Every structure is written in C-alpha cells, then in structure tokens.
C-alpha atoms as a PDB file:
ATOM      1  CA  VAL A   1      98.595 101.085  77.443  1.00  0.00           C
ATOM      2  CA  GLN A   2     102.121 101.277  79.312  1.00  0.00           C
ATOM      3  CA  LEU A   3     102.672 102.931  82.741  1.00  0.00           C
ATOM      4  CA  GLN A   4     105.952 102.963  84.826  1.00  0.00           C
ATOM      5  CA  ALA A   5     105.960 103.934  88.409  1.00  0.00           C
ATOM      6  CA  SER A   6     108.987 104.941  90.033  1.00  0.00           C
ATOM      7  CA  GLY A   7     110.863 107.541  93.336  1.00  0.00           C
ATOM      8  CA  GLY A   8     110.792 104.518  96.169  1.00  0.00           C
ATOM      9  CA  GLY A   9     113.327 104.499  98.212  1.00  0.00           C
ATOM     10  CA  LEU A  10     114.489 104.203 101.320  1.00  0.00           C
ATOM     11  CA  ALA A  11     113.361 107.465 104.177  1.00  0.00           C
ATOM     12  CA  GLN A  12     113.678 107.903 107.592  1.00  0.00           C
ATOM     13  CA  SER A  13     109.903 108.709 109.268  1.00  0.00           C
ATOM     14  CA  GLY A  14     108.971 112.253 108.843  1.00  0.00           C
ATOM     15  CA  GLY A  15     110.761 112.286 105.824  1.00  0.00           C
ATOM     16  CA  SER A  16     109.225 112.666 102.295  1.00  0.00           C
ATOM     17  CA  LEU A  17     109.389 110.852  98.719  1.00  0.00           C
ATOM     18  CA  ARG A  18     107.882 111.865  95.036  1.00  0.00           C
ATOM     19  CA  LEU A  19     106.933 109.120  92.955  1.00  0.00           C
ATOM     20  CA  SER A  20     105.478 109.271  89.407  1.00  0.00           C
ATOM     21  CA  CYS A  21     103.692 107.072  87.562  1.00  0.00           C
ATOM     22  CA  VAL A  22     104.616 108.361  83.647  1.00  0.00           C
ATOM     23  CA  GLY A  23     102.400 106.832  80.770  1.00  0.00           C
ATOM     24  CA  TYR A  24     104.130 105.739  77.544  1.00  0.00           C
ATOM     25  CA  GLY A  25     101.853 105.949  73.966  1.00  0.00           C
ATOM     26  CA  PHE A  26      98.881 107.537  75.210  1.00  0.00           C
ATOM     27  CA  ALA A  27      97.284 110.797  76.570  1.00  0.00           C
ATOM     28  CA  LEU A  28      97.365 110.577  80.241  1.00  0.00           C
ATOM     29  CA  ASN A  29      95.251 112.957  80.610  1.00  0.00           C
ATOM     30  CA  ASP A  30      92.462 110.852  78.740  1.00  0.00           C
ATOM     31  CA  TYR A  31      92.763 108.562  81.977  1.00  0.00           C
ATOM     32  CA  HIS A  32      91.732 108.474  85.247  1.00  0.00           C
ATOM     33  CA  ILE A  33      94.582 107.103  87.302  1.00  0.00           C
ATOM     34  CA  GLY A  34      95.112 105.434  91.150  1.00  0.00           C
ATOM     35  CA  TRP A  35      97.844 105.074  92.947  1.00  0.00           C
ATOM     36  CA  PHE A  36      97.270 101.615  95.342  1.00  0.00           C
ATOM     37  CA  ARG A  37     100.272 100.324  97.635  1.00  0.00           C
ATOM     38  CA  GLN A  38     100.758  96.546  99.283  1.00  0.00           C
ATOM     39  CA  ALA A  39     102.705  95.600 102.071  1.00  0.00           C
ATOM     40  CA  PRO A  40     104.096  92.885 102.940  1.00  0.00           C
ATOM     41  CA  GLY A  41     101.591  90.231 103.759  1.00  0.00           C
ATOM     42  CA  LYS A  42      98.517  92.697 103.708  1.00  0.00           C
ATOM     43  CA  ASP A  43      96.020  92.939 100.453  1.00  0.00           C
ATOM     44  CA  ARG A  44      96.506  95.819  97.957  1.00  0.00           C
ATOM     45  CA  GLU A  45      94.873  99.295  99.508  1.00  0.00           C
ATOM     46  CA  GLY A  46      94.028 102.552  97.689  1.00  0.00           C
ATOM     47  CA  VAL A  47      95.983 105.537  98.270  1.00  0.00           C
ATOM     48  CA  SER A  48      94.594 108.797  96.236  1.00  0.00           C
ATOM     49  CA  CYS A  49      92.495 108.623  92.414  1.00  0.00           C
ATOM     50  CA  ILE A  50      92.907 111.638  90.649  1.00  0.00           C
ATOM     51  CA  SER A  51      89.932 112.210  87.735  1.00  0.00           C
ATOM     52  CA  ASN A  52      90.840 113.525  84.134  1.00  0.00           C
ATOM     53  CA  GLY A  53      87.993 116.540  84.747  1.00  0.00           C
ATOM     54  CA  ARG A  54      87.287 118.500  87.512  1.00  0.00           C
ATOM     55  CA  GLY A  55      86.659 117.753  91.335  1.00  0.00           C
ATOM     56  CA  THR A  56      89.192 117.186  93.939  1.00  0.00           C
ATOM     57  CA  PRO A  57      91.315 113.975  94.168  1.00  0.00           C
ATOM     58  CA  HIS A  58      90.540 111.331  96.767  1.00  0.00           C
ATOM     59  CA  TYR A  59      92.677 110.170  99.184  1.00  0.00           C
ATOM     60  CA  ALA A  60      92.793 106.772 101.829  1.00  0.00           C
ATOM     61  CA  ASP A  61      91.985 108.131 105.066  1.00  0.00           C
ATOM     62  CA  SER A  62      95.752 106.797 106.079  1.00  0.00           C
ATOM     63  CA  VAL A  63      97.247 109.350 104.085  1.00  0.00           C
ATOM     64  CA  LYS A  64      94.988 112.307 103.996  1.00  0.00           C
ATOM     65  CA  GLY A  65      96.933 115.056 104.874  1.00  0.00           C
ATOM     66  CA  ARG A  66      99.831 114.440 103.954  1.00  0.00           C
ATOM     67  CA  PHE A  67      99.971 112.870 100.505  1.00  0.00           C
ATOM     68  CA  THR A  68      99.345 114.704  97.321  1.00  0.00           C
ATOM     69  CA  ILE A  69      98.264 113.235  94.357  1.00  0.00           C
ATOM     70  CA  SER A  70      99.170 115.333  90.348  1.00  0.00           C
ATOM     71  CA  ARG A  71      99.180 116.058  87.176  1.00  0.00           C
ATOM     72  CA  ASP A  72     101.368 117.389  84.899  1.00  0.00           C
ATOM     73  CA  ILE A  73     100.198 117.362  81.244  1.00  0.00           C
ATOM     74  CA  ALA A  74     103.452 118.289  79.598  1.00  0.00           C
ATOM     75  CA  LYS A  75     104.801 115.279  81.444  1.00  0.00           C
ATOM     76  CA  ASN A  76     102.226 112.646  80.632  1.00  0.00           C
ATOM     77  CA  THR A  77     103.321 111.743  84.567  1.00  0.00           C
ATOM     78  CA  VAL A  78     101.070 111.742  87.606  1.00  0.00           C
ATOM     79  CA  TYR A  79     103.018 112.511  90.727  1.00  0.00           C
ATOM     80  CA  LEU A  80     102.640 111.271  94.045  1.00  0.00           C
ATOM     81  CA  GLN A  81     104.451 113.452  96.440  1.00  0.00           C
ATOM     82  CA  MET A  82     104.196 111.763 100.126  1.00  0.00           C
ATOM     83  CA  ASN A  83     105.154 114.163 103.415  1.00  0.00           C
ATOM     84  CA  SER A  84     105.370 113.128 107.006  1.00  0.00           C
ATOM     85  CA  LEU A  85     105.967 109.534 106.042  1.00  0.00           C
ATOM     86  CA  LYS A  86     105.621 106.312 108.397  1.00  0.00           C
ATOM     87  CA  PRO A  87     107.315 103.520 108.608  1.00  0.00           C
ATOM     88  CA  ASP A  88     103.343 101.755 107.768  1.00  0.00           C
ATOM     89  CA  ASP A  89     103.519 103.484 104.950  1.00  0.00           C
ATOM     90  CA  THR A  90     106.300 100.852 104.047  1.00  0.00           C
ATOM     91  CA  ALA A  91     104.629  98.973 100.959  1.00  0.00           C
ATOM     92  CA  ILE A  92     104.576  98.892  96.588  1.00  0.00           C
ATOM     93  CA  TYR A  93     103.272 101.426  95.097  1.00  0.00           C
ATOM     94  CA  SER A  94     101.575 100.993  91.869  1.00  0.00           C
ATOM     95  CA  CYS A  95     100.298 102.839  89.863  1.00  0.00           C
ATOM     96  CA  ALA A  96      97.124 102.193  87.328  1.00  0.00           C
ATOM     97  CA  ALA A  97      95.012 103.521  84.553  1.00  0.00           C
ATOM     98  CA  VAL A  98      91.342 103.134  83.689  1.00  0.00           C
ATOM     99  CA  ARG A  99      89.893 105.354  80.515  1.00  0.00           C
ATOM    100  CA  SER A 100      87.260 108.330  81.301  1.00  0.00           C
ATOM    101  CA  ARG A 101      83.709 106.069  81.011  1.00  0.00           C
ATOM    102  CA  TYR A 102      82.000 107.518  83.818  1.00  0.00           C
ATOM    103  CA  SER A 103      79.479 110.147  83.671  1.00  0.00           C
ATOM    104  CA  SER A 104      81.339 112.799  85.931  1.00  0.00           C
ATOM    105  CA  SER A 105      84.409 113.019  87.944  1.00  0.00           C
ATOM    106  CA  SER A 106      82.475 112.245  91.624  1.00  0.00           C
ATOM    107  CA  VAL A 107      81.072 108.929  89.950  1.00  0.00           C
ATOM    108  CA  TYR A 108      84.863 107.947  89.777  1.00  0.00           C
ATOM    109  CA  TYR A 109      86.055 109.479  92.847  1.00  0.00           C
ATOM    110  CA  SER A 110      82.942 107.219  95.088  1.00  0.00           C
ATOM    111  CA  ARG A 111      84.316 103.772  93.523  1.00  0.00           C
ATOM    112  CA  CYS A 112      88.329 104.073  92.116  1.00  0.00           C
ATOM    113  CA  PHE A 113      89.882 102.344  94.572  1.00  0.00           C
ATOM    114  CA  SER A 114      87.305  99.274  93.661  1.00  0.00           C
ATOM    115  CA  ILE A 115      87.051  99.713  90.317  1.00  0.00           C
ATOM    116  CA  ARG A 116      88.518  97.080  87.515  1.00  0.00           C
ATOM    117  CA  TYR A 117      91.298  99.228  86.334  1.00  0.00           C
ATOM    118  CA  ASP A 118      92.546  99.618  82.309  1.00  0.00           C
ATOM    119  CA  ALA A 119      96.770  98.798  82.251  1.00  0.00           C
ATOM    120  CA  TRP A 120      99.098  98.883  86.117  1.00  0.00           C
ATOM    121  CA  GLY A 121     102.646  99.936  85.912  1.00  0.00           C
ATOM    122  CA  GLN A 122     105.300  97.953  88.107  1.00  0.00           C
ATOM    123  CA  GLY A 123     105.210  98.774  91.910  1.00  0.00           C
ATOM    124  CA  THR A 124     108.253 100.685  93.521  1.00  0.00           C
ATOM    125  CA  LEU A 125     109.437 100.015  96.788  1.00  0.00           C
ATOM    126  CA  VAL A 126     109.021 102.446  99.396  1.00  0.00           C
ATOM    127  CA  THR A 127     110.485 101.885 102.884  1.00  0.00           C
ATOM    128  CA  VAL A 128     110.391 104.454 106.038  1.00  0.00           C
ATOM    129  CA  SER A 129     112.183 103.320 108.654  1.00  0.00           C
ATOM    130  CA  SER A 130     111.275 104.323 112.417  1.00  0.00           C
END
C-alpha cells in the first residue's frame, strides 16, 4: 500500500488549493481515507476523512464549510479542496489509508481522527500568507 500526496504550495489568505492523494498498487476505494495536518510546533490533527461506503464525510470544526473531501475512483485519488484558506491552515498535510473493517461508515466516521491507519503518504506543505 503506497500513497502519494501532492498539491501543496503557497497561497494567499482567502485563496484555494487542491491536494491529491493517489494510491499505488491497490484500490483506494477499498480503504477509508483521512487527511491530517501538522503545523510547526503543534501536534498532528485530523482535517477530514471519507469512508469507502455511504455517509457524509467528516470534517474538523476548524475547516468545516471551507474544505471538501472527495474521491475519483477512476483516478484512484482522493482530493482535499481547500477554499477560503487562512494563515492558521499552514501545515504539512498528509493522507492516510485504512482498510475497511468497520461495521458501517458511521462507525468509521465516529473515530476516523483517532484510529490507527495502515499506510501514510509523505506530506505536502501548505503555506498560507496573510
């Protein structure tokens, strides 16, 4: 299981970026996917997660209404569209995958920021200037 995250860069406050998480050697749709970020001097935090089944994706309160997570099955990719960026969004963003093993999507969503993931992609740096 190999993941590659990309799409980071420099954006101005209020701007947008789209991050991509591509799976290699496996079907990403067999896995639940989470996006996490770590800002300098801070702990890693969950940003958003999407199950491989039904249900509404989950977002951290700090990004709700600004970020959107989605899948493109044909491209074996999960995206994180980030709009209305703020300087506080500056961080290294990483994606992670865990094989679907929960009884329902809602169970996954209830713990998606705290479970142990099977694989992690390398991070991509997002810098938002004020």
